[in-house]
Amino acid sequence: MTNKLMFSRLELPAITGQSLSNVDRAIACGDLETVVVGRKRFATPTAAQKWLTFLASESNAGRPVRYMARNLDDRRTPERAKAERARQRRRA
């Protein structure tokens, strides 16, 4: 990546290759950790890498993350993300 300490949500699409809407939905679901400074939202390089690793691991496991699925039942919402994280904690 770069040597910046934090990326704004508007910089993340260019860095990660994801769309701004995917970045915003990942933040809303809690998949991408951010901090708010003043009125701006930022992600650390570690948080961005962790999110990309999460996307890759889900894809490799055969369940790609769909923030904007055509079928509304398949869409990843904040509620669904919480339920998935709770299920993963119970397994561990």
PDB file of N, CA and C in Angstrom:
ATOM      1  N   MET A   1       0.851  -1.174   0.000  1.00  0.00           N
ATOM      2  CA  MET A   1       0.000   0.000   0.000  1.00  0.00           C
ATOM      3  C   MET A   1       0.896   1.237   0.000  1.00  0.00           C
ATOM      4  N   THR A   2       0.554   2.231   0.795  1.00  0.00           N
ATOM      5  CA  THR A   2       1.353   3.444   0.860  1.00  0.00           C
ATOM      6  C   THR A   2       1.871   3.623   2.278  1.00  0.00           C
ATOM      7  N   ASN A   3       2.572   4.732   2.516  1.00  0.00           N
ATOM      8  CA  ASN A   3       3.091   4.964   3.859  1.00  0.00           C
ATOM      9  C   ASN A   3       2.214   5.927   4.652  1.00  0.00           C
ATOM     10  N   LYS A   4       0.980   6.182   4.201  1.00  0.00           N
ATOM     11  CA  LYS A   4       0.048   7.016   4.955  1.00  0.00           C
ATOM     12  C   LYS A   4      -0.429   6.245   6.180  1.00  0.00           C
ATOM     13  N   LEU A   5      -0.751   6.970   7.228  1.00  0.00           N
ATOM     14  CA  LEU A   5      -1.221   6.332   8.457  1.00  0.00           C
ATOM     15  C   LEU A   5      -2.732   6.099   8.445  1.00  0.00           C
ATOM     16  N   MET A   6      -3.471   6.924   7.697  1.00  0.00           N
ATOM     17  CA  MET A   6      -4.919   6.748   7.605  1.00  0.00           C
ATOM     18  C   MET A   6      -5.391   7.147   6.214  1.00  0.00           C
ATOM     19  N   PHE A   7      -6.432   6.458   5.749  1.00  0.00           N
ATOM     20  CA  PHE A   7      -7.039   6.731   4.454  1.00  0.00           C
ATOM     21  C   PHE A   7      -8.470   7.201   4.669  1.00  0.00           C
ATOM     22  N   SER A   8      -8.879   8.251   3.951  1.00  0.00           N
ATOM     23  CA  SER A   8     -10.274   8.664   4.020  1.00  0.00           C
ATOM     24  C   SER A   8     -11.105   7.644   3.244  1.00  0.00           C
ATOM     25  N   ARG A   9     -12.401   7.638   3.508  1.00  0.00           N
ATOM     26  CA  ARG A   9     -13.259   6.690   2.793  1.00  0.00           C
ATOM     27  C   ARG A   9     -13.285   6.979   1.300  1.00  0.00           C
ATOM     28  N   LEU A  10     -12.955   8.205   0.900  1.00  0.00           N
ATOM     29  CA  LEU A  10     -12.910   8.532  -0.521  1.00  0.00           C
ATOM     30  C   LEU A  10     -11.626   8.048  -1.183  1.00  0.00           C
ATOM     31  N   GLU A  11     -10.566   7.819  -0.402  1.00  0.00           N
ATOM     32  CA  GLU A  11      -9.311   7.288  -0.948  1.00  0.00           C
ATOM     33  C   GLU A  11      -9.327   5.767  -1.053  1.00  0.00           C
ATOM     34  N   LEU A  12     -10.145   5.123  -0.244  1.00  0.00           N
ATOM     35  CA  LEU A  12     -10.138   3.657  -0.185  1.00  0.00           C
ATOM     36  C   LEU A  12     -10.470   2.966  -1.510  1.00  0.00           C
ATOM     37  N   PRO A  13     -11.420   3.462  -2.315  1.00  0.00           N
ATOM     38  CA  PRO A  13     -11.677   2.774  -3.592  1.00  0.00           C
ATOM     39  C   PRO A  13     -10.452   2.700  -4.498  1.00  0.00           C
ATOM     40  N   ALA A  14      -9.677   3.766  -4.573  1.00  0.00           N
ATOM     41  CA  ALA A  14      -8.486   3.750  -5.431  1.00  0.00           C
ATOM     42  C   ALA A  14      -7.429   2.804  -4.885  1.00  0.00           C
ATOM     43  N   ILE A  15      -7.345   2.682  -3.586  1.00  0.00           N
ATOM     44  CA  ILE A  15      -6.322   1.852  -2.957  1.00  0.00           C
ATOM     45  C   ILE A  15      -6.703   0.366  -2.983  1.00  0.00           C
ATOM     46  N   THR A  16      -7.990   0.085  -2.713  1.00  0.00           N
ATOM     47  CA  THR A  16      -8.423  -1.308  -2.589  1.00  0.00           C
ATOM     48  C   THR A  16      -8.968  -1.900  -3.880  1.00  0.00           C
ATOM     49  N   GLY A  17      -9.367  -1.038  -4.821  1.00  0.00           N
ATOM     50  CA  GLY A  17      -9.979  -1.540  -6.037  1.00  0.00           C
ATOM     51  C   GLY A  17     -11.469  -1.801  -5.891  1.00  0.00           C
ATOM     52  N   GLN A  18     -12.031  -1.484  -4.760  1.00  0.00           N
ATOM     53  CA  GLN A  18     -13.466  -1.651  -4.522  1.00  0.00           C
ATOM     54  C   GLN A  18     -14.174  -0.337  -4.823  1.00  0.00           C
ATOM     55  N   SER A  19     -15.476  -0.398  -5.044  1.00  0.00           N
ATOM     56  CA  SER A  19     -16.234   0.818  -5.310  1.00  0.00           C
ATOM     57  C   SER A  19     -16.509   1.559  -4.001  1.00  0.00           C
ATOM     58  N   LEU A  20     -16.839   2.836  -4.120  1.00  0.00           N
ATOM     59  CA  LEU A  20     -17.159   3.623  -2.925  1.00  0.00           C
ATOM     60  C   LEU A  20     -18.394   3.070  -2.230  1.00  0.00           C
ATOM     61  N   SER A  21     -19.370   2.597  -3.001  1.00  0.00           N
ATOM     62  CA  SER A  21     -20.568   2.025  -2.376  1.00  0.00           C
ATOM     63  C   SER A  21     -20.220   0.756  -1.603  1.00  0.00           C
ATOM     64  N   ASN A  22     -19.300  -0.071  -2.116  1.00  0.00           N
ATOM     65  CA  ASN A  22     -18.871  -1.252  -1.363  1.00  0.00           C
ATOM     66  C   ASN A  22     -18.125  -0.850  -0.100  1.00  0.00           C
ATOM     67  N   VAL A  23     -17.299   0.177  -0.183  1.00  0.00           N
ATOM     68  CA  VAL A  23     -16.585   0.666   1.002  1.00  0.00           C
ATOM     69  C   VAL A  23     -17.593   1.135   2.046  1.00  0.00           C
ATOM     70  N   ASP A  24     -18.584   1.926   1.622  1.00  0.00           N
ATOM     71  CA  ASP A  24     -19.592   2.430   2.556  1.00  0.00           C
ATOM     72  C   ASP A  24     -20.409   1.303   3.177  1.00  0.00           C
ATOM     73  N   ARG A  25     -20.756   0.303   2.377  1.00  0.00           N
ATOM     74  CA  ARG A  25     -21.536  -0.820   2.919  1.00  0.00           C
ATOM     75  C   ARG A  25     -20.686  -1.684   3.857  1.00  0.00           C
ATOM     76  N   ALA A  26     -19.406  -1.829   3.558  1.00  0.00           N
ATOM     77  CA  ALA A  26     -18.519  -2.576   4.451  1.00  0.00           C
ATOM     78  C   ALA A  26     -18.375  -1.857   5.788  1.00  0.00           C
ATOM     79  N   ILE A  27     -18.321  -0.535   5.758  1.00  0.00           N
ATOM     80  CA  ILE A  27     -18.265   0.238   6.999  1.00  0.00           C
ATOM     81  C   ILE A  27     -19.562   0.055   7.780  1.00  0.00           C
ATOM     82  N   ALA A  28     -20.708   0.149   7.088  1.00  0.00           N
ATOM     83  CA  ALA A  28     -22.007   0.005   7.747  1.00  0.00           C
ATOM     84  C   ALA A  28     -22.183  -1.377   8.369  1.00  0.00           C
ATOM     85  N   CYS A  29     -21.659  -2.406   7.705  1.00  0.00           N
ATOM     86  CA  CYS A  29     -21.785  -3.778   8.209  1.00  0.00           C
ATOM     87  C   CYS A  29     -20.776  -4.090   9.308  1.00  0.00           C
ATOM     88  N   GLY A  30     -19.786  -3.240   9.454  1.00  0.00           N
ATOM     89  CA  GLY A  30     -18.752  -3.517  10.445  1.00  0.00           C
ATOM     90  C   GLY A  30     -17.624  -4.370   9.912  1.00  0.00           C
ATOM     91  N   ASP A  31     -17.607  -4.615   8.601  1.00  0.00           N
ATOM     92  CA  ASP A  31     -16.538  -5.406   8.008  1.00  0.00           C
ATOM     93  C   ASP A  31     -15.249  -4.592   7.885  1.00  0.00           C
ATOM     94  N   LEU A  32     -15.393  -3.286   7.735  1.00  0.00           N
ATOM     95  CA  LEU A  32     -14.242  -2.389   7.611  1.00  0.00           C
ATOM     96  C   LEU A  32     -14.259  -1.435   8.796  1.00  0.00           C
ATOM     97  N   GLU A  33     -13.266  -1.564   9.658  1.00  0.00           N
ATOM     98  CA  GLU A  33     -13.195  -0.713  10.853  1.00  0.00           C
ATOM     99  C   GLU A  33     -12.674   0.672  10.480  1.00  0.00           C
ATOM    100  N   THR A  34     -13.328   1.694  11.005  1.00  0.00           N
ATOM    101  CA  THR A  34     -12.930   3.064  10.736  1.00  0.00           C
ATOM    102  C   THR A  34     -12.953   3.871  12.020  1.00  0.00           C
ATOM    103  N   VAL A  35     -12.354   5.048  11.954  1.00  0.00           N
ATOM    104  CA  VAL A  35     -12.402   6.005  13.060  1.00  0.00           C
ATOM    105  C   VAL A  35     -12.922   7.323  12.501  1.00  0.00           C
ATOM    106  N   VAL A  36     -13.602   8.069  13.341  1.00  0.00           N
ATOM    107  CA  VAL A  36     -14.118   9.372  12.937  1.00  0.00           C
ATOM    108  C   VAL A  36     -13.259  10.434  13.590  1.00  0.00           C
ATOM    109  N   VAL A  37     -12.751  11.336  12.769  1.00  0.00           N
ATOM    110  CA  VAL A  37     -11.974  12.473  13.245  1.00  0.00           C
ATOM    111  C   VAL A  37     -12.691  13.714  12.739  1.00  0.00           C
ATOM    112  N   GLY A  38     -13.241  14.482  13.660  1.00  0.00           N
ATOM    113  CA  GLY A  38     -14.067  15.614  13.246  1.00  0.00           C
ATOM    114  C   GLY A  38     -15.315  15.089  12.577  1.00  0.00           C
ATOM    115  N   ARG A  39     -15.492  15.420  11.312  1.00  0.00           N
ATOM    116  CA  ARG A  39     -16.644  14.911  10.560  1.00  0.00           C
ATOM    117  C   ARG A  39     -16.229  13.934   9.474  1.00  0.00           C
ATOM    118  N   LYS A  40     -14.965  13.549   9.436  1.00  0.00           N
ATOM    119  CA  LYS A  40     -14.474  12.638   8.399  1.00  0.00           C
ATOM    120  C   LYS A  40     -14.219  11.249   8.975  1.00  0.00           C
ATOM    121  N   ARG A  41     -14.397  10.261   8.137  1.00  0.00           N
ATOM    122  CA  ARG A  41     -14.195   8.865   8.523  1.00  0.00           C
ATOM    123  C   ARG A  41     -12.930   8.358   7.848  1.00  0.00           C
ATOM    124  N   PHE A  42     -12.085   7.679   8.628  1.00  0.00           N
ATOM    125  CA  PHE A  42     -10.808   7.184   8.136  1.00  0.00           C
ATOM    126  C   PHE A  42     -10.638   5.709   8.493  1.00  0.00           C
ATOM    127  N   ALA A  43      -9.853   5.009   7.683  1.00  0.00           N
ATOM    128  CA  ALA A  43      -9.459   3.624   7.968  1.00  0.00           C
ATOM    129  C   ALA A  43      -7.942   3.570   7.996  1.00  0.00           C
ATOM    130  N   THR A  44      -7.406   2.771   8.889  1.00  0.00           N
ATOM    131  CA  THR A  44      -5.962   2.582   8.938  1.00  0.00           C
ATOM    132  C   THR A  44      -5.569   1.581   7.852  1.00  0.00           C
ATOM    133  N   PRO A  45      -4.306   1.584   7.442  1.00  0.00           N
ATOM    134  CA  PRO A  45      -3.866   0.575   6.472  1.00  0.00           C
ATOM    135  C   PRO A  45      -4.107  -0.849   6.980  1.00  0.00           C
ATOM    136  N   THR A  46      -3.942  -1.058   8.276  1.00  0.00           N
ATOM    137  CA  THR A  46      -4.185  -2.384   8.859  1.00  0.00           C
ATOM    138  C   THR A  46      -5.636  -2.789   8.704  1.00  0.00           C
ATOM    139  N   ALA A  47      -6.561  -1.852   8.957  1.00  0.00           N
ATOM    140  CA  ALA A  47      -7.993  -2.146   8.820  1.00  0.00           C
ATOM    141  C   ALA A  47      -8.347  -2.436   7.366  1.00  0.00           C
ATOM    142  N   ALA A  48      -7.771  -1.674   6.437  1.00  0.00           N
ATOM    143  CA  ALA A  48      -8.033  -1.917   5.014  1.00  0.00           C
ATOM    144  C   ALA A  48      -7.507  -3.283   4.597  1.00  0.00           C
ATOM    145  N   GLN A  49      -6.320  -3.637   5.049  1.00  0.00           N
ATOM    146  CA  GLN A  49      -5.746  -4.949   4.725  1.00  0.00           C
ATOM    147  C   GLN A  49      -6.572  -6.067   5.339  1.00  0.00           C
ATOM    148  N   LYS A  50      -7.045  -5.860   6.561  1.00  0.00           N
ATOM    149  CA  LYS A  50      -7.872  -6.860   7.232  1.00  0.00           C
ATOM    150  C   LYS A  50      -9.172  -7.084   6.462  1.00  0.00           C
ATOM    151  N   TRP A  51      -9.768  -6.002   5.945  1.00  0.00           N
ATOM    152  CA  TRP A  51     -11.002  -6.118   5.165  1.00  0.00           C
ATOM    153  C   TRP A  51     -10.746  -6.873   3.868  1.00  0.00           C
ATOM    154  N   LEU A  52      -9.651  -6.550   3.184  1.00  0.00           N
ATOM    155  CA  LEU A  52      -9.324  -7.248   1.936  1.00  0.00           C
ATOM    156  C   LEU A  52      -9.028  -8.722   2.194  1.00  0.00           C
ATOM    157  N   THR A  53      -8.384  -9.022   3.297  1.00  0.00           N
ATOM    158  CA  THR A  53      -8.125 -10.410   3.676  1.00  0.00           C
ATOM    159  C   THR A  53      -9.435 -11.139   3.942  1.00  0.00           C
ATOM    160  N   PHE A  54     -10.369 -10.449   4.620  1.00  0.00           N
ATOM    161  CA  PHE A  54     -11.695 -11.022   4.878  1.00  0.00           C
ATOM    162  C   PHE A  54     -12.410 -11.327   3.566  1.00  0.00           C
ATOM    163  N   LEU A  55     -12.400 -10.375   2.619  1.00  0.00           N
ATOM    164  CA  LEU A  55     -13.046 -10.596   1.322  1.00  0.00           C
ATOM    165  C   LEU A  55     -12.422 -11.780   0.591  1.00  0.00           C
ATOM    166  N   ALA A  56     -11.087 -11.869   0.626  1.00  0.00           N
ATOM    167  CA  ALA A  56     -10.393 -12.971  -0.046  1.00  0.00           C
ATOM    168  C   ALA A  56     -10.707 -14.307   0.610  1.00  0.00           C
ATOM    169  N   SER A  57     -10.726 -14.343   1.942  1.00  0.00           N
ATOM    170  CA  SER A  57     -10.996 -15.609   2.632  1.00  0.00           C
ATOM    171  C   SER A  57     -12.423 -16.076   2.379  1.00  0.00           C
ATOM    172  N   GLU A  58     -13.379 -15.139   2.346  1.00  0.00           N
ATOM    173  CA  GLU A  58     -14.761 -15.526   2.044  1.00  0.00           C
ATOM    174  C   GLU A  58     -14.865 -16.039   0.609  1.00  0.00           C
ATOM    175  N   SER A  59     -14.191 -15.388  -0.312  1.00  0.00           N
ATOM    176  CA  SER A  59     -14.210 -15.821  -1.706  1.00  0.00           C
ATOM    177  C   SER A  59     -13.575 -17.197  -1.854  1.00  0.00           C
ATOM    178  N   ASN A  60     -12.443 -17.411  -1.194  1.00  0.00           N
ATOM    179  CA  ASN A  60     -11.760 -18.709  -1.260  1.00  0.00           C
ATOM    180  C   ASN A  60     -12.590 -19.821  -0.637  1.00  0.00           C
ATOM    181  N   ALA A  61     -13.433 -19.467   0.338  1.00  0.00           N
ATOM    182  CA  ALA A  61     -14.285 -20.465   0.983  1.00  0.00           C
ATOM    183  C   ALA A  61     -15.567 -20.721   0.181  1.00  0.00           C
ATOM    184  N   GLY A  62     -15.720 -20.032  -0.943  1.00  0.00           N
ATOM    185  CA  GLY A  62     -16.881 -20.265  -1.787  1.00  0.00           C
ATOM    186  C   GLY A  62     -18.095 -19.455  -1.415  1.00  0.00           C
ATOM    187  N   ARG A  63     -17.933 -18.430  -0.565  1.00  0.00           N
ATOM    188  CA  ARG A  63     -19.060 -17.574  -0.195  1.00  0.00           C
ATOM    189  C   ARG A  63     -18.664 -16.103  -0.334  1.00  0.00           C
ATOM    190  N   PRO A  64     -18.553 -15.646  -1.582  1.00  0.00           N
ATOM    191  CA  PRO A  64     -18.155 -14.250  -1.795  1.00  0.00           C
ATOM    192  C   PRO A  64     -19.143 -13.287  -1.145  1.00  0.00           C
ATOM    193  N   VAL A  65     -18.632 -12.208  -0.602  1.00  0.00           N
ATOM    194  CA  VAL A  65     -19.448 -11.203   0.069  1.00  0.00           C
ATOM    195  C   VAL A  65     -20.206 -10.416  -0.988  1.00  0.00           C
ATOM    196  N   ARG A  66     -21.506 -10.303  -0.804  1.00  0.00           N
ATOM    197  CA  ARG A  66     -22.350  -9.573  -1.755  1.00  0.00           C
ATOM    198  C   ARG A  66     -23.013  -8.417  -1.015  1.00  0.00           C
ATOM    199  N   TYR A  67     -22.424  -7.238  -1.110  1.00  0.00           N
ATOM    200  CA  TYR A  67     -23.041  -6.071  -0.486  1.00  0.00           C
ATOM    201  C   TYR A  67     -24.238  -5.594  -1.299  1.00  0.00           C
ATOM    202  N   MET A  68     -24.215  -5.802  -2.624  1.00  0.00           N
ATOM    203  CA  MET A  68     -25.310  -5.370  -3.492  1.00  0.00           C
ATOM    204  C   MET A  68     -25.821  -6.551  -4.316  1.00  0.00           C
ATOM    205  N   ALA A  69     -26.285  -7.580  -3.665  1.00  0.00           N
ATOM    206  CA  ALA A  69     -26.803  -8.739  -4.376  1.00  0.00           C
ATOM    207  C   ALA A  69     -28.116  -8.384  -5.065  1.00  0.00           C
ATOM    208  N   ARG A  70     -28.368  -9.028  -6.202  1.00  0.00           N
ATOM    209  CA  ARG A  70     -29.629  -8.771  -6.915  1.00  0.00           C
ATOM    210  C   ARG A  70     -30.813  -9.243  -6.080  1.00  0.00           C
ATOM    211  N   ASN A  71     -30.663 -10.366  -5.427  1.00  0.00           N
ATOM    212  CA  ASN A  71     -31.716 -10.903  -4.574  1.00  0.00           C
ATOM    213  C   ASN A  71     -31.569 -10.262  -3.193  1.00  0.00           C
ATOM    214  N   LEU A  72     -32.589  -9.596  -2.718  1.00  0.00           N
ATOM    215  CA  LEU A  72     -32.498  -8.881  -1.441  1.00  0.00           C
ATOM    216  C   LEU A  72     -32.172  -9.811  -0.272  1.00  0.00           C
ATOM    217  N   ASP A  73     -32.562 -11.086  -0.371  1.00  0.00           N
ATOM    218  CA  ASP A  73     -32.273 -12.024   0.717  1.00  0.00           C
ATOM    219  C   ASP A  73     -30.787 -12.349   0.813  1.00  0.00           C
ATOM    220  N   ASP A  74     -30.045 -12.176  -0.279  1.00  0.00           N
ATOM    221  CA  ASP A  74     -28.607 -12.462  -0.282  1.00  0.00           C
ATOM    222  C   ASP A  74     -27.756 -11.264   0.099  1.00  0.00           C
ATOM    223  N   ARG A  75     -28.355 -10.096   0.189  1.00  0.00           N
ATOM    224  CA  ARG A  75     -27.609  -8.868   0.450  1.00  0.00           C
ATOM    225  C   ARG A  75     -27.033  -8.880   1.864  1.00  0.00           C
ATOM    226  N   ARG A  76     -25.804  -8.391   1.999  1.00  0.00           N
ATOM    227  CA  ARG A  76     -25.146  -8.335   3.309  1.00  0.00           C
ATOM    228  C   ARG A  76     -25.548  -7.037   4.003  1.00  0.00           C
ATOM    229  N   THR A  77     -26.365  -7.157   5.023  1.00  0.00           N
ATOM    230  CA  THR A  77     -26.837  -6.009   5.795  1.00  0.00           C
ATOM    231  C   THR A  77     -26.116  -5.992   7.140  1.00  0.00           C
ATOM    232  N   PRO A  78     -26.173  -4.873   7.873  1.00  0.00           N
ATOM    233  CA  PRO A  78     -25.539  -4.852   9.196  1.00  0.00           C
ATOM    234  C   PRO A  78     -26.071  -5.958  10.112  1.00  0.00           C
ATOM    235  N   GLU A  79     -27.359  -6.232  10.048  1.00  0.00           N
ATOM    236  CA  GLU A  79     -27.938  -7.287  10.894  1.00  0.00           C
ATOM    237  C   GLU A  79     -27.391  -8.663  10.516  1.00  0.00           C
ATOM    238  N   ARG A  80     -27.311  -8.910   9.213  1.00  0.00           N
ATOM    239  CA  ARG A  80     -26.786 -10.200   8.749  1.00  0.00           C
ATOM    240  C   ARG A  80     -25.305 -10.346   9.107  1.00  0.00           C
ATOM    241  N   ALA A  81     -24.539  -9.260   8.983  1.00  0.00           N
ATOM    242  CA  ALA A  81     -23.122  -9.309   9.340  1.00  0.00           C
ATOM    243  C   ALA A  81     -22.952  -9.636  10.823  1.00  0.00           C
ATOM    244  N   LYS A  82     -23.779  -9.031  11.686  1.00  0.00           N
ATOM    245  CA  LYS A  82     -23.711  -9.331  13.124  1.00  0.00           C
ATOM    246  C   LYS A  82     -24.025 -10.795  13.391  1.00  0.00           C
ATOM    247  N   ALA A  83     -25.052 -11.308  12.730  1.00  0.00           N
ATOM    248  CA  ALA A  83     -25.432 -12.716  12.918  1.00  0.00           C
ATOM    249  C   ALA A  83     -24.319 -13.653  12.456  1.00  0.00           C
ATOM    250  N   GLU A  84     -23.675 -13.330  11.337  1.00  0.00           N
ATOM    251  CA  GLU A  84     -22.578 -14.170  10.844  1.00  0.00           C
ATOM    252  C   GLU A  84     -21.400 -14.153  11.804  1.00  0.00           C
ATOM    253  N   ARG A  85     -21.074 -12.974  12.353  1.00  0.00           N
ATOM    254  CA  ARG A  85     -19.972 -12.893  13.318  1.00  0.00           C
ATOM    255  C   ARG A  85     -20.295 -13.672  14.590  1.00  0.00           C
ATOM    256  N   ALA A  86     -21.554 -13.612  15.035  1.00  0.00           N
ATOM    257  CA  ALA A  86     -21.960 -14.356  16.234  1.00  0.00           C
ATOM    258  C   ALA A  86     -21.844 -15.859  15.992  1.00  0.00           C
ATOM    259  N   ARG A  87     -22.246 -16.316  14.790  1.00  0.00           N
ATOM    260  CA  ARG A  87     -22.133 -17.739  14.454  1.00  0.00           C
ATOM    261  C   ARG A  87     -20.674 -18.185  14.447  1.00  0.00           C
ATOM    262  N   GLN A  88     -19.790 -17.348  13.908  1.00  0.00           N
ATOM    263  CA  GLN A  88     -18.360 -17.691  13.858  1.00  0.00           C
ATOM    264  C   GLN A  88     -17.764 -17.755  15.257  1.00  0.00           C
ATOM    265  N   ARG A  89     -18.196 -16.876  16.149  1.00  0.00           N
ATOM    266  CA  ARG A  89     -17.694 -16.904  17.536  1.00  0.00           C
ATOM    267  C   ARG A  89     -18.131 -18.172  18.249  1.00  0.00           C
ATOM    268  N   ARG A  90     -19.387 -18.604  17.984  1.00  0.00           N
ATOM    269  CA  ARG A  90     -19.877 -19.824  18.627  1.00  0.00           C
ATOM    270  C   ARG A  90     -19.104 -21.044  18.177  1.00  0.00           C
ATOM    271  N   ARG A  91     -18.670 -21.058  16.894  1.00  0.00           N
ATOM    272  CA  ARG A  91     -17.909 -22.193  16.368  1.00  0.00           C
ATOM    273  C   ARG A  91     -16.522 -22.281  16.986  1.00  0.00           C
ATOM    274  N   ALA A  92     -15.933 -21.127  17.315  1.00  0.00           N
ATOM    275  CA  ALA A  92     -14.554 -21.098  17.822  1.00  0.00           C
ATOM    276  C   ALA A  92     -14.453 -21.477  19.270  1.00  0.00           C
TER     277      ALA A  92
END
